[in-house]
Amino acid sequence: ELLDLVVERVPLLPVLLLVTFRPEFQPPWTGQAHVTVLVLNRLDRREGAALVRRVVGTGELPSDVVAEIIERTDGVPLFVEELTKAVLESGNARTVLSRAAATALNVPATL
C-alpha cells in the first residue's frame, strides 16, 4: 500500500523511484505512463567471469576457482561479488568454496 501511494505521487515530485521485485510479483502500477519496467536476467557464464575479474582487480584466481564461483552463484550478481570477496579475504579459495558447497543446501530454492 505504501508503494502504491508513493508511485502515485512520483509524477508530482522531483524524484527517481527505483523498485526491484521478483518476477512472480505483479505490481499494479506497471501500466502508468510514468512507470518503466526493466527486466534484469541472471548473468551468463561470461558475464559472471567478467564480474569475478572486476572484483579481483589486479589479483588473479585460478580458472577452476572462477568456474566454481560462477557455478555456485547461479548468475546472481550480488552472490558473485560476495563469494569472490570471501574467497579473496580468506586467502584459501578451496576452504571457502568447500564451506559454500556445505551450506548450499541451506539456500532456499526460490532464491
PDB file of N, CA and C in Angstrom:
ATOM      1  N   GLU A   1       0.819  -1.189   0.000  1.00  0.00           N
ATOM      2  CA  GLU A   1       0.000   0.000   0.000  1.00  0.00           C
ATOM      3  C   GLU A   1       0.865   1.256   0.000  1.00  0.00           C
ATOM      4  N   LEU A   2       1.949   1.203   0.759  1.00  0.00           N
ATOM      5  CA  LEU A   2       2.848   2.354   0.800  1.00  0.00           C
ATOM      6  C   LEU A   2       3.447   2.615  -0.579  1.00  0.00           C
ATOM      7  N   LEU A   3       3.907   1.551  -1.238  1.00  0.00           N
ATOM      8  CA  LEU A   3       4.453   1.721  -2.582  1.00  0.00           C
ATOM      9  C   LEU A   3       3.415   2.262  -3.548  1.00  0.00           C
ATOM     10  N   ASP A   4       2.194   1.799  -3.435  1.00  0.00           N
ATOM     11  CA  ASP A   4       1.120   2.317  -4.292  1.00  0.00           C
ATOM     12  C   ASP A   4       0.982   3.825  -4.122  1.00  0.00           C
ATOM     13  N   LEU A   5       1.023   4.292  -2.878  1.00  0.00           N
ATOM     14  CA  LEU A   5       0.914   5.727  -2.604  1.00  0.00           C
ATOM     15  C   LEU A   5       2.114   6.496  -3.147  1.00  0.00           C
ATOM     16  N   VAL A   6       3.285   5.951  -2.947  1.00  0.00           N
ATOM     17  CA  VAL A   6       4.495   6.618  -3.419  1.00  0.00           C
ATOM     18  C   VAL A   6       4.503   6.706  -4.943  1.00  0.00           C
ATOM     19  N   VAL A   7       4.209   5.615  -5.613  1.00  0.00           N
ATOM     20  CA  VAL A   7       4.192   5.593  -7.074  1.00  0.00           C
ATOM     21  C   VAL A   7       3.157   6.577  -7.608  1.00  0.00           C
ATOM     22  N   GLU A   8       2.057   6.693  -6.934  1.00  0.00           N
ATOM     23  CA  GLU A   8       1.003   7.629  -7.339  1.00  0.00           C
ATOM     24  C   GLU A   8       1.494   9.080  -7.267  1.00  0.00           C
ATOM     25  N   ARG A   9       2.370   9.373  -6.321  1.00  0.00           N
ATOM     26  CA  ARG A   9       2.828  10.761  -6.120  1.00  0.00           C
ATOM     27  C   ARG A   9       4.114  11.102  -6.865  1.00  0.00           C
ATOM     28  N   VAL A  10       4.795  10.143  -7.402  1.00  0.00           N
ATOM     29  CA  VAL A  10       6.070  10.387  -8.078  1.00  0.00           C
ATOM     30  C   VAL A  10       5.967  11.434  -9.192  1.00  0.00           C
ATOM     31  N   PRO A  11       4.935  11.439 -10.011  1.00  0.00           N
ATOM     32  CA  PRO A  11       4.890  12.445 -11.086  1.00  0.00           C
ATOM     33  C   PRO A  11       4.864  13.890 -10.574  1.00  0.00           C
ATOM     34  N   LEU A  12       4.508  14.062  -9.335  1.00  0.00           N
ATOM     35  CA  LEU A  12       4.415  15.399  -8.767  1.00  0.00           C
ATOM     36  C   LEU A  12       5.698  15.830  -8.050  1.00  0.00           C
ATOM     37  N   LEU A  13       6.680  14.928  -7.969  1.00  0.00           N
ATOM     38  CA  LEU A  13       7.888  15.183  -7.190  1.00  0.00           C
ATOM     39  C   LEU A  13       9.145  15.097  -8.065  1.00  0.00           C
ATOM     40  N   PRO A  14      10.191  15.822  -7.701  1.00  0.00           N
ATOM     41  CA  PRO A  14      11.462  15.724  -8.441  1.00  0.00           C
ATOM     42  C   PRO A  14      12.297  14.540  -7.946  1.00  0.00           C
ATOM     43  N   VAL A  15      11.804  13.333  -8.177  1.00  0.00           N
ATOM     44  CA  VAL A  15      12.482  12.135  -7.678  1.00  0.00           C
ATOM     45  C   VAL A  15      12.555  11.056  -8.753  1.00  0.00           C
ATOM     46  N   LEU A  16      13.460  10.156  -8.528  1.00  0.00           N
ATOM     47  CA  LEU A  16      13.533   8.928  -9.313  1.00  0.00           C
ATOM     48  C   LEU A  16      13.310   7.795  -8.323  1.00  0.00           C
ATOM     49  N   LEU A  17      12.287   7.017  -8.543  1.00  0.00           N
ATOM     50  CA  LEU A  17      11.988   5.886  -7.671  1.00  0.00           C
ATOM     51  C   LEU A  17      12.389   4.616  -8.399  1.00  0.00           C
ATOM     52  N   LEU A  18      13.219   3.830  -7.754  1.00  0.00           N
ATOM     53  CA  LEU A  18      13.672   2.562  -8.308  1.00  0.00           C
ATOM     54  C   LEU A  18      13.204   1.456  -7.380  1.00  0.00           C
ATOM     55  N   VAL A  19      12.433   0.528  -7.918  1.00  0.00           N
ATOM     56  CA  VAL A  19      11.887  -0.570  -7.132  1.00  0.00           C
ATOM     57  C   VAL A  19      12.294  -1.875  -7.794  1.00  0.00           C
ATOM     58  N   THR A  20      12.808  -2.799  -7.006  1.00  0.00           N
ATOM     59  CA  THR A  20      13.116  -4.124  -7.536  1.00  0.00           C
ATOM     60  C   THR A  20      12.153  -5.135  -6.928  1.00  0.00           C
ATOM     61  N   PHE A  21      11.848  -6.142  -7.716  1.00  0.00           N
ATOM     62  CA  PHE A  21      10.950  -7.185  -7.226  1.00  0.00           C
ATOM     63  C   PHE A  21      11.175  -8.458  -8.014  1.00  0.00           C
ATOM     64  N   ARG A  22      10.723  -9.535  -7.445  1.00  0.00           N
ATOM     65  CA  ARG A  22      10.863 -10.845  -8.075  1.00  0.00           C
ATOM     66  C   ARG A  22       9.866 -10.988  -9.222  1.00  0.00           C
ATOM     67  N   PRO A  23      10.185 -11.837 -10.182  1.00  0.00           N
ATOM     68  CA  PRO A  23       9.332 -11.975 -11.375  1.00  0.00           C
ATOM     69  C   PRO A  23       7.881 -12.347 -11.082  1.00  0.00           C
ATOM     70  N   GLU A  24       7.644 -13.072  -9.999  1.00  0.00           N
ATOM     71  CA  GLU A  24       6.260 -13.502  -9.722  1.00  0.00           C
ATOM     72  C   GLU A  24       5.380 -12.373  -9.186  1.00  0.00           C
ATOM     73  N   PHE A  25       5.993 -11.268  -8.723  1.00  0.00           N
ATOM     74  CA  PHE A  25       5.223 -10.127  -8.220  1.00  0.00           C
ATOM     75  C   PHE A  25       4.624  -9.364  -9.394  1.00  0.00           C
ATOM     76  N   GLN A  26       3.351  -9.053  -9.308  1.00  0.00           N
ATOM     77  CA  GLN A  26       2.663  -8.297 -10.350  1.00  0.00           C
ATOM     78  C   GLN A  26       2.268  -6.930  -9.800  1.00  0.00           C
ATOM     79  N   PRO A  27       3.110  -5.911  -9.983  1.00  0.00           N
ATOM     80  CA  PRO A  27       2.790  -4.597  -9.431  1.00  0.00           C
ATOM     81  C   PRO A  27       1.603  -3.973 -10.152  1.00  0.00           C
ATOM     82  N   PRO A  28       0.727  -3.323  -9.429  1.00  0.00           N
ATOM     83  CA  PRO A  28      -0.470  -2.750 -10.041  1.00  0.00           C
ATOM     84  C   PRO A  28      -0.187  -1.483 -10.842  1.00  0.00           C
ATOM     85  N   TRP A  29       1.018  -0.924 -10.744  1.00  0.00           N
ATOM     86  CA  TRP A  29       1.292   0.364 -11.370  1.00  0.00           C
ATOM     87  C   TRP A  29       2.086   0.269 -12.655  1.00  0.00           C
ATOM     88  N   THR A  30       2.298  -0.919 -13.211  1.00  0.00           N
ATOM     89  CA  THR A  30       3.131  -1.037 -14.412  1.00  0.00           C
ATOM     90  C   THR A  30       2.520  -0.386 -15.644  1.00  0.00           C
ATOM     91  N   GLY A  31       1.242  -0.173 -15.697  1.00  0.00           N
ATOM     92  CA  GLY A  31       0.615   0.429 -16.867  1.00  0.00           C
ATOM     93  C   GLY A  31       0.609   1.949 -16.864  1.00  0.00           C
ATOM     94  N   GLN A  32       1.097   2.558 -15.815  1.00  0.00           N
ATOM     95  CA  GLN A  32       1.063   4.018 -15.723  1.00  0.00           C
ATOM     96  C   GLN A  32       2.146   4.643 -16.601  1.00  0.00           C
ATOM     97  N   ALA A  33       1.858   5.833 -17.122  1.00  0.00           N
ATOM     98  CA  ALA A  33       2.749   6.498 -18.069  1.00  0.00           C
ATOM     99  C   ALA A  33       4.126   6.811 -17.488  1.00  0.00           C
ATOM    100  N   HIS A  34       4.219   7.057 -16.216  1.00  0.00           N
ATOM    101  CA  HIS A  34       5.496   7.415 -15.603  1.00  0.00           C
ATOM    102  C   HIS A  34       6.257   6.207 -15.046  1.00  0.00           C
ATOM    103  N   VAL A  35       5.782   5.010 -15.344  1.00  0.00           N
ATOM    104  CA  VAL A  35       6.418   3.784 -14.846  1.00  0.00           C
ATOM    105  C   VAL A  35       7.040   3.024 -16.017  1.00  0.00           C
ATOM    106  N   THR A  36       8.305   2.665 -15.859  1.00  0.00           N
ATOM    107  CA  THR A  36       9.011   1.868 -16.854  1.00  0.00           C
ATOM    108  C   THR A  36       9.479   0.586 -16.189  1.00  0.00           C
ATOM    109  N   VAL A  37       9.251  -0.538 -16.846  1.00  0.00           N
ATOM    110  CA  VAL A  37       9.674  -1.835 -16.313  1.00  0.00           C
ATOM    111  C   VAL A  37      10.899  -2.286 -17.102  1.00  0.00           C
ATOM    112  N   LEU A  38      11.918  -2.686 -16.369  1.00  0.00           N
ATOM    113  CA  LEU A  38      13.144  -3.190 -16.971  1.00  0.00           C
ATOM    114  C   LEU A  38      13.439  -4.554 -16.354  1.00  0.00           C
ATOM    115  N   VAL A  39      13.460  -5.585 -17.178  1.00  0.00           N
ATOM    116  CA  VAL A  39      13.721  -6.940 -16.696  1.00  0.00           C
ATOM    117  C   VAL A  39      15.221  -7.198 -16.703  1.00  0.00           C
ATOM    118  N   LEU A  40      15.753  -7.613 -15.573  1.00  0.00           N
ATOM    119  CA  LEU A  40      17.167  -7.951 -15.458  1.00  0.00           C
ATOM    120  C   LEU A  40      17.304  -9.457 -15.286  1.00  0.00           C
ATOM    121  N   ASN A  41      18.006 -10.080 -16.210  1.00  0.00           N
ATOM    122  CA  ASN A  41      18.211 -11.526 -16.150  1.00  0.00           C
ATOM    123  C   ASN A  41      19.485 -11.853 -15.376  1.00  0.00           C
ATOM    124  N   ARG A  42      19.642 -13.112 -15.026  1.00  0.00           N
ATOM    125  CA  ARG A  42      20.859 -13.566 -14.364  1.00  0.00           C
ATOM    126  C   ARG A  42      22.031 -13.432 -15.330  1.00  0.00           C
ATOM    127  N   LEU A  43      23.220 -13.352 -14.775  1.00  0.00           N
ATOM    128  CA  LEU A  43      24.421 -13.271 -15.595  1.00  0.00           C
ATOM    129  C   LEU A  43      24.713 -14.628 -16.237  1.00  0.00           C
ATOM    130  N   ASP A  44      25.176 -14.602 -17.489  1.00  0.00           N
ATOM    131  CA  ASP A  44      25.628 -15.861 -18.083  1.00  0.00           C
ATOM    132  C   ASP A  44      27.068 -16.112 -17.609  1.00  0.00           C
ATOM    133  N   ARG A  45      27.651 -17.212 -18.029  1.00  0.00           N
ATOM    134  CA  ARG A  45      28.986 -17.594 -17.525  1.00  0.00           C
ATOM    135  C   ARG A  45      30.041 -16.537 -17.867  1.00  0.00           C
ATOM    136  N   ARG A  46      29.986 -16.007 -19.074  1.00  0.00           N
ATOM    137  CA  ARG A  46      30.965 -14.998 -19.499  1.00  0.00           C
ATOM    138  C   ARG A  46      30.839 -13.735 -18.662  1.00  0.00           C
ATOM    139  N   GLU A  47      29.613 -13.291 -18.449  1.00  0.00           N
ATOM    140  CA  GLU A  47      29.386 -12.094 -17.632  1.00  0.00           C
ATOM    141  C   GLU A  47      29.782 -12.336 -16.174  1.00  0.00           C
ATOM    142  N   GLY A  48      29.497 -13.530 -15.678  1.00  0.00           N
ATOM    143  CA  GLY A  48      29.883 -13.874 -14.310  1.00  0.00           C
ATOM    144  C   GLY A  48      31.392 -13.854 -14.139  1.00  0.00           C
ATOM    145  N   ALA A  49      32.105 -14.410 -15.123  1.00  0.00           N
ATOM    146  CA  ALA A  49      33.570 -14.419 -15.069  1.00  0.00           C
ATOM    147  C   ALA A  49      34.116 -12.995 -15.135  1.00  0.00           C
ATOM    148  N   ALA A  50      33.495 -12.152 -15.948  1.00  0.00           N
ATOM    149  CA  ALA A  50      33.928 -10.750 -16.041  1.00  0.00           C
ATOM    150  C   ALA A  50      33.732 -10.043 -14.705  1.00  0.00           C
ATOM    151  N   LEU A  51      32.626 -10.326 -14.021  1.00  0.00           N
ATOM    152  CA  LEU A  51      32.374  -9.711 -12.720  1.00  0.00           C
ATOM    153  C   LEU A  51      33.394 -10.197 -11.686  1.00  0.00           C
ATOM    154  N   VAL A  52      33.715 -11.477 -11.715  1.00  0.00           N
ATOM    155  CA  VAL A  52      34.735 -12.012 -10.801  1.00  0.00           C
ATOM    156  C   VAL A  52      36.051 -11.294 -11.049  1.00  0.00           C
ATOM    157  N   ARG A  53      36.446 -11.152 -12.324  1.00  0.00           N
ATOM    158  CA  ARG A  53      37.710 -10.461 -12.652  1.00  0.00           C
ATOM    159  C   ARG A  53      37.686  -9.022 -12.155  1.00  0.00           C
ATOM    160  N   ARG A  54      36.543  -8.374 -12.279  1.00  0.00           N
ATOM    161  CA  ARG A  54      36.436  -6.986 -11.834  1.00  0.00           C
ATOM    162  C   ARG A  54      36.597  -6.881 -10.307  1.00  0.00           C
ATOM    163  N   VAL A  55      35.982  -7.805  -9.581  1.00  0.00           N
ATOM    164  CA  VAL A  55      36.101  -7.800  -8.125  1.00  0.00           C
ATOM    165  C   VAL A  55      37.533  -8.122  -7.711  1.00  0.00           C
ATOM    166  N   VAL A  56      38.165  -9.061  -8.395  1.00  0.00           N
ATOM    167  CA  VAL A  56      39.530  -9.461  -8.072  1.00  0.00           C
ATOM    168  C   VAL A  56      40.510  -8.314  -8.335  1.00  0.00           C
ATOM    169  N   GLY A  57      40.234  -7.513  -9.355  1.00  0.00           N
ATOM    170  CA  GLY A  57      41.110  -6.373  -9.663  1.00  0.00           C
ATOM    171  C   GLY A  57      42.430  -6.818 -10.239  1.00  0.00           C
ATOM    172  N   THR A  58      43.523  -6.396  -9.611  1.00  0.00           N
ATOM    173  CA  THR A  58      44.847  -6.711 -10.135  1.00  0.00           C
ATOM    174  C   THR A  58      45.311  -8.105  -9.739  1.00  0.00           C
ATOM    175  N   GLY A  59      44.603  -8.751  -8.826  1.00  0.00           N
ATOM    176  CA  GLY A  59      44.966 -10.106  -8.418  1.00  0.00           C
ATOM    177  C   GLY A  59      44.502 -11.122  -9.446  1.00  0.00           C
ATOM    178  N   GLU A  60      44.621 -12.375  -9.091  1.00  0.00           N
ATOM    179  CA  GLU A  60      44.211 -13.427 -10.013  1.00  0.00           C
ATOM    180  C   GLU A  60      43.750 -14.646  -9.225  1.00  0.00           C
ATOM    181  N   LEU A  61      42.705 -15.284  -9.746  1.00  0.00           N
ATOM    182  CA  LEU A  61      42.229 -16.544  -9.174  1.00  0.00           C
ATOM    183  C   LEU A  61      42.389 -17.619 -10.236  1.00  0.00           C
ATOM    184  N   PRO A  62      42.678 -18.838  -9.832  1.00  0.00           N
ATOM    185  CA  PRO A  62      42.770 -19.935 -10.806  1.00  0.00           C
ATOM    186  C   PRO A  62      41.441 -20.094 -11.556  1.00  0.00           C
ATOM    187  N   SER A  63      41.523 -20.488 -12.811  1.00  0.00           N
ATOM    188  CA  SER A  63      40.312 -20.595 -13.642  1.00  0.00           C
ATOM    189  C   SER A  63      39.297 -21.576 -13.068  1.00  0.00           C
ATOM    190  N   ASP A  64      39.760 -22.643 -12.406  1.00  0.00           N
ATOM    191  CA  ASP A  64      38.806 -23.589 -11.820  1.00  0.00           C
ATOM    192  C   ASP A  64      38.074 -22.966 -10.628  1.00  0.00           C
ATOM    193  N   VAL A  65      38.729 -22.065  -9.903  1.00  0.00           N
ATOM    194  CA  VAL A  65      38.076 -21.375  -8.789  1.00  0.00           C
ATOM    195  C   VAL A  65      37.033 -20.403  -9.336  1.00  0.00           C
ATOM    196  N   VAL A  66      37.386 -19.687 -10.394  1.00  0.00           N
ATOM    197  CA  VAL A  66      36.429 -18.767 -11.031  1.00  0.00           C
ATOM    198  C   VAL A  66      35.212 -19.550 -11.522  1.00  0.00           C
ATOM    199  N   ALA A  67      35.449 -20.685 -12.152  1.00  0.00           N
ATOM    200  CA  ALA A  67      34.349 -21.520 -12.649  1.00  0.00           C
ATOM    201  C   ALA A  67      33.456 -21.990 -11.505  1.00  0.00           C
ATOM    202  N   GLU A  68      34.071 -22.336 -10.386  1.00  0.00           N
ATOM    203  CA  GLU A  68      33.307 -22.797  -9.209  1.00  0.00           C
ATOM    204  C   GLU A  68      32.463 -21.662  -8.633  1.00  0.00           C
ATOM    205  N   ILE A  69      33.029 -20.465  -8.575  1.00  0.00           N
ATOM    206  CA  ILE A  69      32.266 -19.298  -8.088  1.00  0.00           C
ATOM    207  C   ILE A  69      31.059 -19.068  -8.981  1.00  0.00           C
ATOM    208  N   ILE A  70      31.271 -19.113 -10.270  1.00  0.00           N
ATOM    209  CA  ILE A  70      30.176 -18.883 -11.225  1.00  0.00           C
ATOM    210  C   ILE A  70      29.096 -19.950 -11.064  1.00  0.00           C
ATOM    211  N   GLU A  71      29.517 -21.188 -10.906  1.00  0.00           N
ATOM    212  CA  GLU A  71      28.565 -22.294 -10.742  1.00  0.00           C
ATOM    213  C   GLU A  71      27.749 -22.147  -9.465  1.00  0.00           C
ATOM    214  N   ARG A  72      28.402 -21.850  -8.364  1.00  0.00           N
ATOM    215  CA  ARG A  72      27.733 -21.760  -7.057  1.00  0.00           C
ATOM    216  C   ARG A  72      26.786 -20.575  -6.956  1.00  0.00           C
ATOM    217  N   THR A  73      27.082 -19.493  -7.676  1.00  0.00           N
ATOM    218  CA  THR A  73      26.282 -18.272  -7.532  1.00  0.00           C
ATOM    219  C   THR A  73      25.110 -18.201  -8.503  1.00  0.00           C
ATOM    220  N   ASP A  74      25.045 -19.097  -9.455  1.00  0.00           N
ATOM    221  CA  ASP A  74      23.907 -19.219 -10.368  1.00  0.00           C
ATOM    222  C   ASP A  74      23.544 -17.901 -11.069  1.00  0.00           C
ATOM    223  N   GLY A  75      24.556 -17.092 -11.389  1.00  0.00           N
ATOM    224  CA  GLY A  75      24.312 -15.885 -12.163  1.00  0.00           C
ATOM    225  C   GLY A  75      23.739 -14.710 -11.397  1.00  0.00           C
ATOM    226  N   VAL A  76      23.687 -14.804 -10.075  1.00  0.00           N
ATOM    227  CA  VAL A  76      23.158 -13.700  -9.262  1.00  0.00           C
ATOM    228  C   VAL A  76      24.327 -12.770  -8.935  1.00  0.00           C
ATOM    229  N   PRO A  77      24.317 -11.547  -9.502  1.00  0.00           N
ATOM    230  CA  PRO A  77      25.481 -10.657  -9.366  1.00  0.00           C
ATOM    231  C   PRO A  77      25.933 -10.414  -7.927  1.00  0.00           C
ATOM    232  N   LEU A  78      25.025 -10.169  -7.021  1.00  0.00           N
ATOM    233  CA  LEU A  78      25.421  -9.907  -5.633  1.00  0.00           C
ATOM    234  C   LEU A  78      26.146 -11.116  -5.042  1.00  0.00           C
ATOM    235  N   PHE A  79      25.683 -12.321  -5.337  1.00  0.00           N
ATOM    236  CA  PHE A  79      26.337 -13.524  -4.835  1.00  0.00           C
ATOM    237  C   PHE A  79      27.714 -13.693  -5.468  1.00  0.00           C
ATOM    238  N   VAL A  80      27.839 -13.382  -6.766  1.00  0.00           N
ATOM    239  CA  VAL A  80      29.139 -13.464  -7.426  1.00  0.00           C
ATOM    240  C   VAL A  80      30.135 -12.558  -6.697  1.00  0.00           C
ATOM    241  N   GLU A  81      29.718 -11.332  -6.441  1.00  0.00           N
ATOM    242  CA  GLU A  81      30.593 -10.384  -5.758  1.00  0.00           C
ATOM    243  C   GLU A  81      30.964 -10.864  -4.359  1.00  0.00           C
ATOM    244  N   GLU A  82      29.963 -11.253  -3.584  1.00  0.00           N
ATOM    245  CA  GLU A  82      30.210 -11.626  -2.190  1.00  0.00           C
ATOM    246  C   GLU A  82      31.049 -12.887  -2.055  1.00  0.00           C
ATOM    247  N   LEU A  83      30.781 -13.897  -2.872  1.00  0.00           N
ATOM    248  CA  LEU A  83      31.571 -15.125  -2.784  1.00  0.00           C
ATOM    249  C   LEU A  83      33.000 -14.866  -3.248  1.00  0.00           C
ATOM    250  N   THR A  84      33.163 -14.050  -4.280  1.00  0.00           N
ATOM    251  CA  THR A  84      34.511 -13.703  -4.747  1.00  0.00           C
ATOM    252  C   THR A  84      35.277 -12.965  -3.654  1.00  0.00           C
ATOM    253  N   LYS A  85      34.623 -12.012  -2.994  1.00  0.00           N
ATOM    254  CA  LYS A  85      35.274 -11.282  -1.899  1.00  0.00           C
ATOM    255  C   LYS A  85      35.641 -12.227  -0.759  1.00  0.00           C
ATOM    256  N   ALA A  86      34.757 -13.165  -0.448  1.00  0.00           N
ATOM    257  CA  ALA A  86      35.042 -14.123   0.628  1.00  0.00           C
ATOM    258  C   ALA A  86      36.255 -14.971   0.283  1.00  0.00           C
ATOM    259  N   VAL A  87      36.353 -15.390  -0.969  1.00  0.00           N
ATOM    260  CA  VAL A  87      37.499 -16.184  -1.413  1.00  0.00           C
ATOM    261  C   VAL A  87      38.776 -15.362  -1.281  1.00  0.00           C
ATOM    262  N   LEU A  88      38.729 -14.111  -1.725  1.00  0.00           N
ATOM    263  CA  LEU A  88      39.914 -13.249  -1.659  1.00  0.00           C
ATOM    264  C   LEU A  88      40.334 -12.965  -0.219  1.00  0.00           C
ATOM    265  N   GLU A  89      39.362 -12.683   0.634  1.00  0.00           N
ATOM    266  CA  GLU A  89      39.668 -12.338   2.024  1.00  0.00           C
ATOM    267  C   GLU A  89      40.226 -13.517   2.809  1.00  0.00           C
ATOM    268  N   SER A  90      39.781 -14.710   2.460  1.00  0.00           N
ATOM    269  CA  SER A  90      40.230 -15.883   3.203  1.00  0.00           C
ATOM    270  C   SER A  90      41.654 -16.279   2.857  1.00  0.00           C
ATOM    271  N   GLY A  91      42.049 -15.986   1.635  1.00  0.00           N
ATOM    272  CA  GLY A  91      43.374 -16.410   1.202  1.00  0.00           C
ATOM    273  C   GLY A  91      43.421 -17.874   0.823  1.00  0.00           C
ATOM    274  N   ASN A  92      42.349 -18.601   1.060  1.00  0.00           N
ATOM    275  CA  ASN A  92      42.304 -20.022   0.728  1.00  0.00           C
ATOM    276  C   ASN A  92      41.011 -20.321  -0.012  1.00  0.00           C
ATOM    277  N   ALA A  93      41.071 -20.259  -1.312  1.00  0.00           N
ATOM    278  CA  ALA A  93      39.883 -20.426  -2.154  1.00  0.00           C
ATOM    279  C   ALA A  93      39.211 -21.776  -1.928  1.00  0.00           C
ATOM    280  N   ARG A  94      39.993 -22.812  -1.761  1.00  0.00           N
ATOM    281  CA  ARG A  94      39.427 -24.164  -1.599  1.00  0.00           C
ATOM    282  C   ARG A  94      38.567 -24.260  -0.341  1.00  0.00           C
ATOM    283  N   THR A  95      39.030 -23.672   0.757  1.00  0.00           N
ATOM    284  CA  THR A  95      38.296 -23.728   2.020  1.00  0.00           C
ATOM    285  C   THR A  95      36.965 -23.004   1.897  1.00  0.00           C
ATOM    286  N   VAL A  96      37.004 -21.797   1.328  1.00  0.00           N
ATOM    287  CA  VAL A  96      35.772 -21.009   1.182  1.00  0.00           C
ATOM    288  C   VAL A  96      34.779 -21.718   0.285  1.00  0.00           C
ATOM    289  N   LEU A  97      35.255 -22.266  -0.828  1.00  0.00           N
ATOM    290  CA  LEU A  97      34.342 -22.951  -1.746  1.00  0.00           C
ATOM    291  C   LEU A  97      33.801 -24.237  -1.135  1.00  0.00           C
ATOM    292  N   SER A  98      34.590 -24.911  -0.315  1.00  0.00           N
ATOM    293  CA  SER A  98      34.102 -26.111   0.371  1.00  0.00           C
ATOM    294  C   SER A  98      32.995 -25.754   1.353  1.00  0.00           C
ATOM    295  N   ARG A  99      33.184 -24.642   2.083  1.00  0.00           N
ATOM    296  CA  ARG A  99      32.139 -24.179   3.004  1.00  0.00           C
ATOM    297  C   ARG A  99      30.890 -23.762   2.238  1.00  0.00           C
ATOM    298  N   ALA A 100      31.090 -23.120   1.085  1.00  0.00           N
ATOM    299  CA  ALA A 100      29.946 -22.710   0.267  1.00  0.00           C
ATOM    300  C   ALA A 100      29.175 -23.932  -0.204  1.00  0.00           C
ATOM    301  N   ALA A 101      29.902 -24.981  -0.579  1.00  0.00           N
ATOM    302  CA  ALA A 101      29.247 -26.215  -1.007  1.00  0.00           C
ATOM    303  C   ALA A 101      28.474 -26.844   0.142  1.00  0.00           C
ATOM    304  N   ALA A 102      29.058 -26.796   1.332  1.00  0.00           N
ATOM    305  CA  ALA A 102      28.409 -27.406   2.501  1.00  0.00           C
ATOM    306  C   ALA A 102      27.132 -26.669   2.881  1.00  0.00           C
ATOM    307  N   THR A 103      27.095 -25.359   2.667  1.00  0.00           N
ATOM    308  CA  THR A 103      25.912 -24.582   3.055  1.00  0.00           C
ATOM    309  C   THR A 103      24.941 -24.384   1.897  1.00  0.00           C
ATOM    310  N   ALA A 104      25.296 -24.839   0.719  1.00  0.00           N
ATOM    311  CA  ALA A 104      24.441 -24.627  -0.450  1.00  0.00           C
ATOM    312  C   ALA A 104      23.050 -25.235  -0.263  1.00  0.00           C
ATOM    313  N   LEU A 105      22.966 -26.325   0.470  1.00  0.00           N
ATOM    314  CA  LEU A 105      21.676 -26.974   0.687  1.00  0.00           C
ATOM    315  C   LEU A 105      20.764 -26.128   1.583  1.00  0.00           C
ATOM    316  N   ASN A 106      21.320 -25.169   2.306  1.00  0.00           N
ATOM    317  CA  ASN A 106      20.525 -24.316   3.178  1.00  0.00           C
ATOM    318  C   ASN A 106      19.935 -23.120   2.459  1.00  0.00           C
ATOM    319  N   VAL A 107      20.310 -22.906   1.203  1.00  0.00           N
ATOM    320  CA  VAL A 107      19.799 -21.782   0.432  1.00  0.00           C
ATOM    321  C   VAL A 107      18.434 -22.166  -0.133  1.00  0.00           C
ATOM    322  N   PRO A 108      17.410 -21.345   0.092  1.00  0.00           N
ATOM    323  CA  PRO A 108      16.081 -21.676  -0.422  1.00  0.00           C
ATOM    324  C   PRO A 108      16.070 -21.808  -1.941  1.00  0.00           C
ATOM    325  N   ALA A 109      15.289 -22.716  -2.449  1.00  0.00           N
ATOM    326  CA  ALA A 109      15.206 -22.931  -3.889  1.00  0.00           C
ATOM    327  C   ALA A 109      14.690 -21.715  -4.639  1.00  0.00           C
ATOM    328  N   THR A 110      13.890 -20.875  -3.983  1.00  0.00           N
ATOM    329  CA  THR A 110      13.316 -19.705  -4.642  1.00  0.00           C
ATOM    330  C   THR A 110      14.245 -18.517  -4.666  1.00  0.00           C
ATOM    331  N   LEU A 111      15.432 -18.655  -4.067  1.00  0.00           N
ATOM    332  CA  LEU A 111      16.374 -17.537  -4.026  1.00  0.00           C
ATOM    333  C   LEU A 111      16.794 -17.156  -5.423  1.00  0.00           C
TER     334      LEU A 111
END
